[in-house]
Amino acid sequence: MQAELLKGKAEEIASRFEADGLRRHQLRAFYDHAKRQLQRLGYGAPFEEIKPEIARLKAFAADRAGRSNNPIPATFKRFIDCNVDAVGDEKSFKSGFMPHFEAVVAYFPAKD
């Protein structure tokens, strides 16, 4: 995982999400779903069992972006779509997707 993705880029992305109106609870809902899948891997679930749950993040994002009440910003939907598409195997999920997503969550302002 490149240090730039974990620091500068993650900080920039978090700032963009805040400026676009993403709420912390919205971000956490997606992150928490991804984190549960990482935990399942840790408990021994095979990646092929987890992969559909990771892919569901895109469906959740499409649903929440299309809502008239409290929608997620288009920038966050694109982030989810691009990052889920980049998950090809267990390593890319554990060593790429999750650390990057975790860094974005960490840099997102605490107020909500």
N, C-alpha and C. Protein backbone atom coordinates (compact mmCIF):
# COMPACT_ATOMS: atom_id res chain seq x y z
N MET A 1 0.86 -1.18 0.00
CA MET A 1 0.00 0.00 0.00
C MET A 1 0.89 1.23 0.00
N GLN A 2 0.66 2.11 -0.90
CA GLN A 2 1.46 3.32 -1.00
C GLN A 2 1.13 4.27 0.14
N ALA A 3 2.18 4.84 0.71
CA ALA A 3 2.01 5.78 1.83
C ALA A 3 1.15 6.97 1.42
N GLU A 4 1.26 7.41 0.18
CA GLU A 4 0.49 8.57 -0.29
C GLU A 4 -1.02 8.31 -0.23
N LEU A 5 -1.43 7.07 -0.52
CA LEU A 5 -2.86 6.73 -0.44
C LEU A 5 -3.35 6.76 0.99
N LEU A 6 -2.45 6.45 1.93
CA LEU A 6 -2.84 6.40 3.33
C LEU A 6 -2.77 7.75 4.02
N LYS A 7 -2.09 8.70 3.42
CA LYS A 7 -1.96 10.02 4.07
C LYS A 7 -2.58 11.10 3.19
N GLY A 8 -1.81 11.60 2.26
CA GLY A 8 -2.24 12.75 1.46
C GLY A 8 -3.53 12.53 0.70
N LYS A 9 -3.60 11.45 -0.04
CA LYS A 9 -4.78 11.19 -0.87
C LYS A 9 -6.00 10.93 0.01
N ALA A 10 -5.83 10.16 1.08
CA ALA A 10 -6.95 9.86 1.98
C ALA A 10 -7.47 11.14 2.63
N GLU A 11 -6.55 12.01 3.01
CA GLU A 11 -6.93 13.28 3.63
C GLU A 11 -7.71 14.15 2.63
N GLU A 12 -7.22 14.18 1.41
CA GLU A 12 -7.87 14.96 0.34
C GLU A 12 -9.27 14.41 0.05
N ILE A 13 -9.39 13.11 -0.02
CA ILE A 13 -10.69 12.47 -0.28
C ILE A 13 -11.66 12.77 0.85
N ALA A 14 -11.21 12.64 2.09
CA ALA A 14 -12.07 12.91 3.25
C ALA A 14 -12.56 14.36 3.23
N SER A 15 -11.68 15.28 2.90
CA SER A 15 -12.07 16.70 2.82
C SER A 15 -13.10 16.93 1.72
N ARG A 16 -12.92 16.26 0.59
CA ARG A 16 -13.86 16.40 -0.53
C ARG A 16 -15.23 15.86 -0.11
N PHE A 17 -15.25 14.70 0.55
CA PHE A 17 -16.52 14.13 1.00
C PHE A 17 -17.24 15.08 1.95
N GLU A 18 -16.50 15.68 2.87
CA GLU A 18 -17.12 16.62 3.81
C GLU A 18 -17.69 17.81 3.06
N ALA A 19 -16.91 18.36 2.13
CA ALA A 19 -17.36 19.52 1.35
C ALA A 19 -18.60 19.19 0.52
N ASP A 20 -18.70 17.95 0.09
CA ASP A 20 -19.85 17.53 -0.73
C ASP A 20 -21.06 17.14 0.11
N GLY A 21 -20.93 17.18 1.43
CA GLY A 21 -22.08 16.94 2.29
C GLY A 21 -22.25 15.55 2.84
N LEU A 22 -21.23 14.69 2.68
CA LEU A 22 -21.32 13.35 3.27
C LEU A 22 -21.32 13.48 4.79
N ARG A 23 -22.17 12.73 5.42
CA ARG A 23 -22.25 12.73 6.88
C ARG A 23 -21.42 11.57 7.42
N ARG A 24 -20.87 11.76 8.60
CA ARG A 24 -20.02 10.72 9.19
C ARG A 24 -20.75 9.39 9.35
N HIS A 25 -22.01 9.44 9.74
CA HIS A 25 -22.75 8.18 9.93
C HIS A 25 -22.93 7.45 8.59
N GLN A 26 -23.03 8.19 7.49
CA GLN A 26 -23.14 7.56 6.18
C GLN A 26 -21.83 6.85 5.83
N LEU A 27 -20.72 7.54 6.04
CA LEU A 27 -19.41 6.95 5.79
C LEU A 27 -19.20 5.71 6.64
N ARG A 28 -19.54 5.81 7.92
CA ARG A 28 -19.34 4.69 8.85
C ARG A 28 -20.20 3.48 8.48
N ALA A 29 -21.39 3.70 7.96
CA ALA A 29 -22.24 2.57 7.57
C ALA A 29 -21.55 1.71 6.51
N PHE A 30 -20.92 2.35 5.55
CA PHE A 30 -20.22 1.62 4.49
C PHE A 30 -18.94 0.99 5.03
N TYR A 31 -18.20 1.76 5.79
CA TYR A 31 -16.95 1.24 6.36
C TYR A 31 -17.23 0.05 7.29
N ASP A 32 -18.25 0.17 8.11
CA ASP A 32 -18.57 -0.92 9.05
C ASP A 32 -18.95 -2.19 8.31
N HIS A 33 -19.65 -2.07 7.18
CA HIS A 33 -19.98 -3.25 6.38
C HIS A 33 -18.70 -3.91 5.86
N ALA A 34 -17.80 -3.09 5.33
CA ALA A 34 -16.53 -3.62 4.82
C ALA A 34 -15.71 -4.25 5.95
N LYS A 35 -15.69 -3.61 7.10
CA LYS A 35 -14.93 -4.12 8.25
C LYS A 35 -15.47 -5.47 8.71
N ARG A 36 -16.78 -5.64 8.67
CA ARG A 36 -17.36 -6.95 9.04
C ARG A 36 -16.88 -8.04 8.10
N GLN A 37 -16.69 -7.70 6.83
CA GLN A 37 -16.21 -8.71 5.88
C GLN A 37 -14.75 -9.07 6.17
N LEU A 38 -13.97 -8.08 6.56
CA LEU A 38 -12.58 -8.33 6.95
C LEU A 38 -12.55 -9.24 8.18
N GLN A 39 -13.43 -8.99 9.13
CA GLN A 39 -13.50 -9.84 10.33
C GLN A 39 -13.88 -11.26 9.97
N ARG A 40 -14.81 -11.42 9.05
CA ARG A 40 -15.21 -12.77 8.62
C ARG A 40 -14.02 -13.52 8.02
N LEU A 41 -13.20 -12.81 7.23
CA LEU A 41 -11.98 -13.43 6.70
C LEU A 41 -11.08 -13.88 7.84
N GLY A 42 -10.95 -13.03 8.84
CA GLY A 42 -10.13 -13.36 10.00
C GLY A 42 -10.62 -14.58 10.75
N TYR A 43 -11.93 -14.81 10.70
CA TYR A 43 -12.51 -15.98 11.37
C TYR A 43 -12.45 -17.23 10.50
N GLY A 44 -11.90 -17.09 9.29
CA GLY A 44 -11.70 -18.26 8.43
C GLY A 44 -12.65 -18.41 7.27
N ALA A 45 -13.55 -17.47 7.06
CA ALA A 45 -14.45 -17.55 5.91
C ALA A 45 -13.62 -17.40 4.63
N PRO A 46 -13.92 -18.20 3.61
CA PRO A 46 -13.17 -18.08 2.35
C PRO A 46 -13.52 -16.77 1.63
N PHE A 47 -12.55 -16.24 0.91
CA PHE A 47 -12.75 -14.97 0.21
C PHE A 47 -13.93 -15.04 -0.76
N GLU A 48 -14.10 -16.17 -1.42
CA GLU A 48 -15.20 -16.29 -2.38
C GLU A 48 -16.56 -16.13 -1.72
N GLU A 49 -16.65 -16.39 -0.43
CA GLU A 49 -17.88 -16.19 0.33
C GLU A 49 -18.07 -14.70 0.68
N ILE A 50 -16.97 -14.01 0.85
CA ILE A 50 -16.97 -12.61 1.26
C ILE A 50 -17.15 -11.67 0.07
N LYS A 51 -16.62 -12.06 -1.07
CA LYS A 51 -16.60 -11.18 -2.25
C LYS A 51 -17.98 -10.62 -2.62
N PRO A 52 -19.06 -11.42 -2.60
CA PRO A 52 -20.37 -10.83 -2.92
C PRO A 52 -20.80 -9.75 -1.93
N GLU A 53 -20.40 -9.89 -0.68
CA GLU A 53 -20.74 -8.88 0.33
C GLU A 53 -19.97 -7.58 0.08
N ILE A 54 -18.75 -7.71 -0.40
CA ILE A 54 -17.96 -6.52 -0.76
C ILE A 54 -18.64 -5.83 -1.96
N ALA A 55 -19.04 -6.63 -2.94
CA ALA A 55 -19.70 -6.10 -4.14
C ALA A 55 -21.02 -5.41 -3.80
N ARG A 56 -21.70 -5.86 -2.74
CA ARG A 56 -22.97 -5.25 -2.34
C ARG A 56 -22.81 -3.78 -1.96
N LEU A 57 -21.60 -3.38 -1.60
CA LEU A 57 -21.37 -1.97 -1.28
C LEU A 57 -21.77 -1.07 -2.44
N LYS A 58 -21.54 -1.55 -3.68
CA LYS A 58 -21.92 -0.76 -4.85
C LYS A 58 -23.44 -0.60 -4.94
N ALA A 59 -24.16 -1.67 -4.64
CA ALA A 59 -25.63 -1.60 -4.66
C ALA A 59 -26.13 -0.67 -3.56
N PHE A 60 -25.53 -0.76 -2.38
CA PHE A 60 -25.91 0.13 -1.28
C PHE A 60 -25.67 1.58 -1.68
N ALA A 61 -24.53 1.83 -2.32
CA ALA A 61 -24.19 3.20 -2.73
C ALA A 61 -25.18 3.72 -3.78
N ALA A 62 -25.53 2.88 -4.73
CA ALA A 62 -26.49 3.30 -5.76
C ALA A 62 -27.84 3.63 -5.13
N ASP A 63 -28.27 2.80 -4.19
CA ASP A 63 -29.53 3.04 -3.50
C ASP A 63 -29.49 4.35 -2.73
N ARG A 64 -28.45 4.55 -1.97
CA ARG A 64 -28.38 5.73 -1.11
C ARG A 64 -28.13 7.02 -1.91
N ALA A 65 -27.46 6.90 -3.04
CA ALA A 65 -27.25 8.08 -3.88
C ALA A 65 -28.55 8.53 -4.54
N GLY A 66 -29.44 7.58 -4.78
CA GLY A 66 -30.69 7.89 -5.46
C GLY A 66 -31.82 8.33 -4.54
N ARG A 67 -31.59 8.33 -3.27
CA ARG A 67 -32.64 8.72 -2.32
C ARG A 67 -32.89 10.23 -2.38
N SER A 68 -34.13 10.60 -2.18
CA SER A 68 -34.44 12.03 -2.12
C SER A 68 -34.17 12.59 -0.73
N ASN A 69 -34.22 11.73 0.28
CA ASN A 69 -33.99 12.13 1.66
C ASN A 69 -32.60 11.68 2.10
N ASN A 70 -31.72 12.64 2.37
CA ASN A 70 -30.39 12.36 2.90
C ASN A 70 -29.53 11.47 1.98
N PRO A 71 -29.42 11.82 0.69
CA PRO A 71 -28.61 11.00 -0.22
C PRO A 71 -27.11 11.15 0.05
N ILE A 72 -26.35 10.14 -0.38
CA ILE A 72 -24.89 10.28 -0.32
C ILE A 72 -24.45 11.08 -1.55
N PRO A 73 -23.34 11.82 -1.44
CA PRO A 73 -22.84 12.58 -2.60
C PRO A 73 -22.34 11.65 -3.72
N ALA A 74 -22.40 12.14 -4.94
CA ALA A 74 -21.92 11.38 -6.09
C ALA A 74 -20.44 11.04 -5.96
N THR A 75 -19.66 11.91 -5.33
CA THR A 75 -18.23 11.63 -5.15
C THR A 75 -18.01 10.40 -4.28
N PHE A 76 -18.84 10.21 -3.27
CA PHE A 76 -18.70 9.03 -2.41
C PHE A 76 -19.14 7.78 -3.16
N LYS A 77 -20.19 7.88 -3.96
CA LYS A 77 -20.62 6.73 -4.76
C LYS A 77 -19.51 6.31 -5.71
N ARG A 78 -18.87 7.28 -6.37
CA ARG A 78 -17.76 6.96 -7.28
C ARG A 78 -16.61 6.30 -6.52
N PHE A 79 -16.30 6.80 -5.33
CA PHE A 79 -15.25 6.21 -4.50
C PHE A 79 -15.56 4.74 -4.21
N ILE A 80 -16.78 4.47 -3.80
CA ILE A 80 -17.17 3.08 -3.51
C ILE A 80 -17.08 2.24 -4.78
N ASP A 81 -17.64 2.72 -5.87
CA ASP A 81 -17.63 1.97 -7.13
C ASP A 81 -16.20 1.65 -7.58
N CYS A 82 -15.34 2.64 -7.61
CA CYS A 82 -13.96 2.45 -8.08
C CYS A 82 -13.17 1.51 -7.17
N ASN A 83 -13.33 1.69 -5.87
CA ASN A 83 -12.56 0.88 -4.95
C ASN A 83 -13.06 -0.56 -4.87
N VAL A 84 -14.35 -0.76 -4.95
CA VAL A 84 -14.89 -2.13 -4.98
C VAL A 84 -14.44 -2.82 -6.27
N ASP A 85 -14.47 -2.10 -7.39
CA ASP A 85 -14.02 -2.68 -8.66
C ASP A 85 -12.56 -3.09 -8.62
N ALA A 86 -11.76 -2.43 -7.79
CA ALA A 86 -10.33 -2.74 -7.69
C ALA A 86 -10.05 -3.98 -6.84
N VAL A 87 -11.06 -4.48 -6.15
CA VAL A 87 -10.87 -5.68 -5.32
C VAL A 87 -11.00 -6.91 -6.21
N GLY A 88 -9.86 -7.55 -6.46
CA GLY A 88 -9.88 -8.74 -7.29
C GLY A 88 -9.64 -10.02 -6.52
N ASP A 89 -9.01 -9.87 -5.37
CA ASP A 89 -8.68 -11.05 -4.57
C ASP A 89 -8.56 -10.63 -3.10
N GLU A 90 -8.30 -11.61 -2.27
CA GLU A 90 -8.22 -11.34 -0.83
C GLU A 90 -7.12 -10.34 -0.49
N LYS A 91 -5.98 -10.47 -1.17
CA LYS A 91 -4.87 -9.56 -0.88
C LYS A 91 -5.23 -8.11 -1.22
N SER A 92 -5.86 -7.89 -2.36
CA SER A 92 -6.22 -6.51 -2.73
C SER A 92 -7.26 -5.93 -1.77
N PHE A 93 -8.10 -6.78 -1.21
CA PHE A 93 -9.08 -6.31 -0.22
C PHE A 93 -8.38 -5.98 1.10
N LYS A 94 -7.57 -6.92 1.59
CA LYS A 94 -6.94 -6.75 2.90
C LYS A 94 -5.81 -5.72 2.89
N SER A 95 -5.06 -5.64 1.81
CA SER A 95 -3.88 -4.78 1.78
C SER A 95 -4.07 -3.49 0.99
N GLY A 96 -5.16 -3.37 0.28
CA GLY A 96 -5.41 -2.18 -0.52
C GLY A 96 -6.68 -1.47 -0.10
N PHE A 97 -7.80 -2.11 -0.37
CA PHE A 97 -9.11 -1.51 -0.10
C PHE A 97 -9.28 -1.09 1.36
N MET A 98 -9.07 -2.02 2.28
CA MET A 98 -9.35 -1.74 3.69
C MET A 98 -8.43 -0.68 4.29
N PRO A 99 -7.10 -0.75 4.10
CA PRO A 99 -6.26 0.32 4.67
C PRO A 99 -6.59 1.70 4.10
N HIS A 100 -6.90 1.75 2.81
CA HIS A 100 -7.24 3.02 2.17
C HIS A 100 -8.56 3.57 2.74
N PHE A 101 -9.57 2.72 2.82
CA PHE A 101 -10.87 3.13 3.35
C PHE A 101 -10.72 3.56 4.82
N GLU A 102 -9.96 2.80 5.58
CA GLU A 102 -9.72 3.12 6.99
C GLU A 102 -9.07 4.50 7.14
N ALA A 103 -8.11 4.81 6.27
CA ALA A 103 -7.44 6.11 6.33
C ALA A 103 -8.41 7.25 6.00
N VAL A 104 -9.27 7.04 5.03
CA VAL A 104 -10.27 8.07 4.69
C VAL A 104 -11.19 8.31 5.89
N VAL A 105 -11.63 7.24 6.53
CA VAL A 105 -12.49 7.37 7.71
C VAL A 105 -11.75 8.12 8.82
N ALA A 106 -10.49 7.80 9.01
CA ALA A 106 -9.70 8.44 10.07
C ALA A 106 -9.55 9.94 9.84
N TYR A 107 -9.42 10.36 8.59
CA TYR A 107 -9.24 11.78 8.29
C TYR A 107 -10.56 12.54 8.17
N PHE A 108 -11.67 11.83 8.16
CA PHE A 108 -12.96 12.50 8.05
C PHE A 108 -13.25 13.22 9.36
N PRO A 109 -13.70 14.46 9.30
CA PRO A 109 -13.97 15.22 10.54
C PRO A 109 -14.97 14.50 11.45
N ALA A 110 -14.76 14.62 12.73
CA ALA A 110 -15.55 13.88 13.72
C ALA A 110 -16.97 14.40 13.90
N LYS A 111 -17.22 15.64 13.55
CA LYS A 111 -18.57 16.18 13.78
C LYS A 111 -19.58 15.54 12.84
N ASP A 112 -20.82 15.43 13.30
CA ASP A 112 -21.90 14.88 12.48
C ASP A 112 -23.22 15.45 12.90
